[in-house]
N, C-alpha and C. Protein backbone atom coordinates (compact mmCIF):
# COMPACT_ATOMS: atom_id res chain seq x y z
N MET A 1 26.08 48.93 -36.35
CA MET A 1 26.42 49.13 -34.75
C MET A 1 27.49 48.59 -34.48
N ALA A 2 28.20 49.50 -33.57
CA ALA A 2 29.10 48.93 -33.04
C ALA A 2 29.11 48.75 -31.28
N LYS A 3 29.86 47.44 -30.93
CA LYS A 3 29.52 47.38 -29.17
C LYS A 3 30.79 47.80 -28.78
N ILE A 4 30.79 47.84 -27.68
CA ILE A 4 32.32 48.30 -27.04
C ILE A 4 32.44 47.41 -25.67
N VAL A 5 32.73 46.10 -25.76
CA VAL A 5 32.74 44.89 -23.99
C VAL A 5 33.94 45.54 -22.62
N ILE A 6 33.22 46.17 -22.25
CA ILE A 6 34.68 46.58 -20.77
C ILE A 6 34.18 44.79 -19.87
N GLU A 7 35.18 44.30 -20.40
CA GLU A 7 35.74 43.55 -19.98
C GLU A 7 35.76 42.91 -18.29
N ASN A 8 36.60 44.56 -17.75
CA ASN A 8 36.13 43.97 -16.33
C ASN A 8 35.71 44.43 -15.50
N LEU A 9 34.31 44.85 -15.76
CA LEU A 9 33.23 44.51 -15.71
C LEU A 9 31.95 43.51 -15.79
N SER A 10 32.44 42.80 -15.94
CA SER A 10 32.14 40.77 -15.47
C SER A 10 31.53 41.17 -17.96
N GLY A 11 32.48 41.78 -18.54
CA GLY A 11 32.34 41.99 -19.53
C GLY A 11 31.14 42.73 -20.62
N LYS A 12 30.16 43.36 -19.94
CA LYS A 12 29.78 43.97 -20.53
C LYS A 12 29.88 45.08 -21.46
N VAL A 13 28.97 44.73 -22.54
CA VAL A 13 27.86 44.94 -23.90
C VAL A 13 27.66 45.89 -23.70
N VAL A 14 27.97 46.96 -23.96
CA VAL A 14 27.39 48.36 -24.34
C VAL A 14 27.37 47.84 -26.28
N ASN A 15 26.33 48.93 -26.87
CA ASN A 15 25.64 49.06 -27.90
C ASN A 15 25.79 50.88 -28.08
N ILE A 16 26.34 50.80 -29.17
CA ILE A 16 26.62 52.15 -29.81
C ILE A 16 26.47 52.53 -31.32
N HIS A 17 24.70 53.60 -30.88
CA HIS A 17 24.34 54.10 -31.90
C HIS A 17 23.68 55.23 -31.72
N PRO A 18 24.14 56.65 -32.09
CA PRO A 18 25.28 56.40 -33.60
C PRO A 18 26.30 56.09 -33.09
N GLN A 19 27.61 56.14 -34.02
CA GLN A 19 28.47 56.25 -33.91
C GLN A 19 29.62 56.88 -34.03
N SER A 20 28.64 58.17 -33.94
CA SER A 20 29.08 60.05 -34.01
C SER A 20 29.56 60.84 -32.29
N ARG A 21 28.48 59.61 -31.80
CA ARG A 21 28.81 59.93 -30.24
C ARG A 21 30.15 59.33 -29.26
N SER A 22 30.33 60.21 -28.18
CA SER A 22 31.71 59.93 -27.47
C SER A 22 31.50 58.28 -26.90
N ILE A 23 31.81 57.86 -25.89
CA ILE A 23 32.10 56.25 -26.13
C ILE A 23 31.78 57.36 -24.41
N LEU A 24 31.52 57.62 -23.62
CA LEU A 24 30.97 58.79 -22.67
C LEU A 24 29.67 58.41 -22.58
N ALA A 25 29.41 59.07 -24.00
CA ALA A 25 27.74 59.86 -24.05
C ALA A 25 27.20 58.11 -24.22
N ALA A 26 27.51 56.96 -25.26
CA ALA A 26 26.96 55.82 -25.42
C ALA A 26 26.98 54.78 -23.82
N LEU A 27 27.76 54.62 -23.42
CA LEU A 27 28.17 54.61 -22.05
C LEU A 27 26.87 54.91 -21.10
N GLN A 28 26.74 56.54 -20.95
CA GLN A 28 25.18 56.95 -20.09
C GLN A 28 24.72 56.05 -20.94
N GLY A 29 24.39 56.70 -21.90
CA GLY A 29 23.05 56.07 -23.21
C GLY A 29 22.38 54.85 -22.99
N GLU A 30 23.62 53.90 -21.98
CA GLU A 30 23.12 52.10 -21.58
C GLU A 30 22.60 52.23 -20.47
N ARG A 31 23.22 53.12 -19.32
CA ARG A 31 23.11 53.13 -17.76
C ARG A 31 24.07 52.48 -17.46
N VAL A 32 25.55 52.41 -17.91
CA VAL A 32 27.04 52.21 -17.03
C VAL A 32 27.47 53.67 -16.85
N ASP A 33 27.83 53.10 -14.88
CA ASP A 33 28.59 54.18 -14.46
C ASP A 33 29.96 54.89 -14.55
N TRP A 34 30.42 55.50 -15.00
CA TRP A 34 31.66 55.55 -15.70
C TRP A 34 32.56 57.10 -15.41
N MET A 35 32.91 57.20 -14.44
CA MET A 35 33.71 58.10 -14.02
C MET A 35 34.16 59.55 -15.24
N HIS A 36 33.94 60.78 -13.98
CA HIS A 36 34.26 61.17 -15.18
C HIS A 36 33.82 63.18 -14.49
N ALA A 37 34.89 63.14 -13.88
CA ALA A 37 35.02 64.28 -12.87
C ALA A 37 34.76 66.14 -13.52
N CYS A 38 34.89 65.54 -14.62
CA CYS A 38 34.55 67.22 -15.48
C CYS A 38 33.83 67.62 -16.06
N GLY A 39 32.86 66.78 -15.83
CA GLY A 39 31.45 66.34 -16.88
C GLY A 39 31.59 65.88 -18.51
N GLY A 40 32.63 65.62 -18.92
CA GLY A 40 33.16 64.94 -19.87
C GLY A 40 33.41 66.43 -21.02
N LYS A 41 34.35 67.05 -20.09
CA LYS A 41 34.35 68.00 -20.73
C LYS A 41 35.63 67.57 -21.14
N GLY A 42 36.77 66.85 -21.46
CA GLY A 42 38.31 66.73 -22.11
C GLY A 42 39.27 68.00 -21.41
N ARG A 43 38.91 68.29 -19.90
CA ARG A 43 39.80 68.32 -18.31
C ARG A 43 40.52 67.70 -18.03
N CYS A 44 39.79 66.97 -17.71
CA CYS A 44 40.73 66.05 -16.09
C CYS A 44 41.12 64.76 -17.33
N THR A 45 41.24 64.41 -16.56
CA THR A 45 41.49 62.02 -17.64
C THR A 45 40.82 61.38 -16.47
N THR A 46 40.00 61.70 -15.84
CA THR A 46 39.03 60.92 -14.71
C THR A 46 38.24 59.44 -15.86
N CYS A 47 37.83 59.97 -16.54
CA CYS A 47 37.44 58.90 -17.46
C CYS A 47 37.61 57.54 -18.60
N LYS A 48 39.67 57.86 -18.07
CA LYS A 48 39.85 57.30 -18.65
C LYS A 48 40.07 56.14 -19.09
N LEU A 49 40.17 55.38 -20.21
CA LEU A 49 39.71 54.25 -20.03
C LEU A 49 40.84 53.01 -21.39
N ILE A 50 40.54 52.14 -20.48
CA ILE A 50 42.31 51.42 -21.49
C ILE A 50 42.09 50.49 -22.40
N ILE A 51 41.95 50.63 -23.70
CA ILE A 51 41.83 49.80 -25.11
C ILE A 51 42.55 48.81 -25.50
N VAL A 52 41.95 46.97 -24.80
CA VAL A 52 42.71 46.10 -25.05
C VAL A 52 42.52 46.01 -26.65
N GLU A 53 41.69 46.34 -27.34
CA GLU A 53 41.02 45.45 -28.40
C GLU A 53 40.46 46.88 -29.59
N GLY A 54 40.67 46.70 -30.28
CA GLY A 54 40.49 47.73 -31.51
C GLY A 54 40.83 49.44 -31.06
N HIS A 55 42.10 49.63 -30.95
CA HIS A 55 42.99 51.17 -31.07
C HIS A 55 42.89 51.04 -32.20
N ASP A 56 42.75 50.72 -33.00
CA ASP A 56 42.19 51.13 -35.04
C ASP A 56 41.00 51.80 -35.63
N LEU A 57 40.65 50.89 -34.50
CA LEU A 57 39.08 51.67 -34.47
C LEU A 57 37.78 52.87 -33.59
N LEU A 58 39.32 53.69 -33.65
CA LEU A 58 39.18 54.71 -32.51
C LEU A 58 39.09 55.60 -33.32
N SER A 59 38.01 57.21 -33.42
CA SER A 59 38.95 58.41 -34.35
C SER A 59 40.24 59.10 -33.56
N GLU A 60 40.43 59.79 -33.70
CA GLU A 60 42.19 60.78 -33.90
C GLU A 60 41.31 60.85 -32.70
N ARG A 61 43.35 61.06 -31.66
CA ARG A 61 42.72 61.98 -30.51
C ARG A 61 42.72 63.04 -30.79
N THR A 62 41.72 63.53 -29.80
CA THR A 62 41.58 65.01 -30.07
C THR A 62 42.90 66.47 -29.55
N ALA A 63 42.85 67.47 -29.33
CA ALA A 63 43.87 68.32 -29.01
C ALA A 63 43.86 68.07 -27.59
N ALA A 64 42.60 68.23 -26.59
CA ALA A 64 42.47 68.11 -25.05
C ALA A 64 43.49 66.44 -24.91
N GLU A 65 43.36 65.79 -25.55
CA GLU A 65 43.70 63.87 -25.72
C GLU A 65 45.62 63.87 -25.50
N MET A 66 45.42 64.40 -26.72
CA MET A 66 47.00 65.25 -27.22
C MET A 66 48.28 65.92 -26.41
N ARG A 67 47.19 66.61 -26.27
CA ARG A 67 47.11 67.30 -23.98
C ARG A 67 48.29 66.36 -23.27
N TYR A 68 47.37 65.58 -23.04
CA TYR A 68 47.42 64.62 -21.90
C TYR A 68 48.48 63.61 -22.19
N TYR A 69 48.48 62.99 -23.35
CA TYR A 69 48.70 62.05 -24.04
C TYR A 69 51.03 62.77 -23.98
N GLN A 70 51.10 63.56 -24.50
CA GLN A 70 51.86 64.19 -24.47
C GLN A 70 53.02 64.80 -22.44
N GLU A 71 51.92 65.17 -22.22
CA GLU A 71 52.42 65.03 -20.99
C GLU A 71 52.21 63.37 -20.14
N GLY A 72 52.73 62.90 -20.95
CA GLY A 72 52.51 61.33 -20.51
C GLY A 72 51.23 61.21 -19.26
N LYS A 73 50.17 61.30 -18.85
CA LYS A 73 49.44 61.31 -18.79
C LYS A 73 48.14 59.95 -18.90
N LEU A 74 48.63 59.85 -20.74
CA LEU A 74 48.42 59.13 -21.49
C LEU A 74 48.82 58.29 -22.14
N LEU A 75 48.71 56.85 -22.15
CA LEU A 75 49.79 56.02 -22.26
C LEU A 75 49.37 55.43 -24.02
N ASP A 76 50.16 54.91 -24.80
CA ASP A 76 49.51 54.28 -26.38
C ASP A 76 48.25 53.68 -25.70
N ASN A 77 48.21 52.98 -25.60
CA ASN A 77 46.35 52.29 -25.18
C ASN A 77 45.67 53.16 -24.39
N GLU A 78 45.73 53.96 -24.07
CA GLU A 78 44.27 54.62 -23.94
C GLU A 78 43.91 55.59 -24.08
N ARG A 79 42.09 56.17 -23.74
CA ARG A 79 41.84 57.02 -24.74
C ARG A 79 41.20 57.67 -23.47
N LEU A 80 40.37 59.09 -23.74
CA LEU A 80 39.60 59.69 -22.72
C LEU A 80 38.55 59.07 -23.26
N ALA A 81 37.46 58.87 -22.25
CA ALA A 81 35.66 57.80 -23.23
C ALA A 81 34.97 58.83 -23.34
N CYS A 82 35.23 60.37 -22.83
CA CYS A 82 34.43 61.66 -23.51
C CYS A 82 34.95 62.04 -24.54
N GLN A 83 36.14 61.63 -25.43
CA GLN A 83 36.11 62.20 -26.10
C GLN A 83 36.87 61.38 -27.83
N ALA A 84 36.61 60.24 -27.63
CA ALA A 84 37.04 58.90 -28.20
C ALA A 84 35.55 58.40 -28.47
N ILE A 85 35.53 57.67 -30.73
CA ILE A 85 34.49 57.59 -30.36
C ILE A 85 34.87 56.14 -31.57
N ALA A 86 33.79 55.81 -30.89
CA ALA A 86 34.03 53.99 -31.09
C ALA A 86 33.52 54.06 -33.21
N LEU A 87 34.74 53.14 -33.64
CA LEU A 87 34.07 53.76 -35.24
C LEU A 87 33.74 51.75 -35.36
N GLY A 88 33.93 51.34 -34.27
CA GLY A 88 33.91 49.49 -34.03
C GLY A 88 33.81 48.45 -33.09
N ASP A 89 34.30 47.35 -33.03
CA ASP A 89 34.05 46.76 -31.62
C ASP A 89 35.25 47.31 -31.30
N LEU A 90 35.21 47.47 -29.29
CA LEU A 90 36.04 47.95 -29.12
C LEU A 90 36.37 47.10 -28.10
N VAL A 91 37.22 46.09 -27.47
CA VAL A 91 37.06 45.86 -25.59
C VAL A 91 37.94 46.71 -25.02
N VAL A 92 37.73 47.26 -24.50
CA VAL A 92 38.14 48.00 -22.90
C VAL A 92 38.32 47.74 -21.78
N ARG A 93 38.99 47.70 -20.45
CA ARG A 93 39.36 48.33 -19.68
C ARG A 93 38.90 49.84 -18.30
N VAL A 94 38.72 49.41 -17.41
CA VAL A 94 38.70 50.21 -16.48
C VAL A 94 39.48 50.97 -15.87
N PRO A 95 40.96 51.81 -15.86
CA PRO A 95 41.50 51.88 -15.49
C PRO A 95 41.63 51.60 -13.19
N PRO A 96 43.08 50.60 -12.88
CA PRO A 96 42.28 50.85 -11.08
C PRO A 96 42.45 52.06 -10.76
N GLU A 97 42.72 54.02 -10.93
CA GLU A 97 42.08 54.50 -10.55
C GLU A 97 41.41 55.41 -11.00
N SER A 98 40.00 54.54 -11.34
CA SER A 98 38.39 55.26 -12.64
C SER A 98 37.56 54.34 -12.00
N LYS A 99 38.44 53.69 -11.10
CA LYS A 99 36.71 52.37 -10.58
C LYS A 99 35.99 52.89 -9.53
N LEU A 100 34.77 52.63 -9.38
CA LEU A 100 33.76 53.62 -8.80
C LEU A 100 33.26 52.47 -7.73
N PRO A 101 33.78 53.47 -6.33
CA PRO A 101 33.00 51.99 -5.14
C PRO A 101 32.61 51.16 -4.98
N HIS A 102 31.04 51.43 -6.24
CA HIS A 102 29.95 50.95 -5.82
C HIS A 102 29.67 50.20 -6.93
N LEU A 103 30.52 49.34 -7.66
CA LEU A 103 30.02 49.03 -8.89
C LEU A 103 31.16 47.33 -8.39
N LYS A 104 31.38 46.39 -8.55
CA LYS A 104 32.41 44.89 -8.70
C LYS A 104 32.95 45.62 -10.14
N TYR A 105 34.18 45.35 -9.60
CA TYR A 105 34.77 45.00 -11.34
C TYR A 105 36.19 43.58 -10.50
N ASP A 106 36.17 42.84 -12.30
CA ASP A 106 35.76 41.80 -11.94
C ASP A 106 38.11 41.69 -12.27
N PHE A 107 38.78 40.65 -11.24
CA PHE A 107 40.33 40.84 -11.47
C PHE A 107 40.39 42.54 -11.91
């Protein structure tokens, strides 16, 4: 079982089971609110997350992620939560533009 630590959300820990689900599905399964304007279909970048640790413990970029990466809308350390699958433990951050107003974020 893998876990995701959301560094700037008070170190919230989300367990991933099974590992074949997207990160967004895992977050939703643990009742963590995460921005996703297109409903998790890979049609926008609102569910973007910043990978702090565990870059090599993610599935390969999907076609949707590659498109946004090539357009400069995703950086090397950013992935779409609706597309990426965690294959091991990760530490992530919510980017400033994806923070929800009803949640309290650290630094």
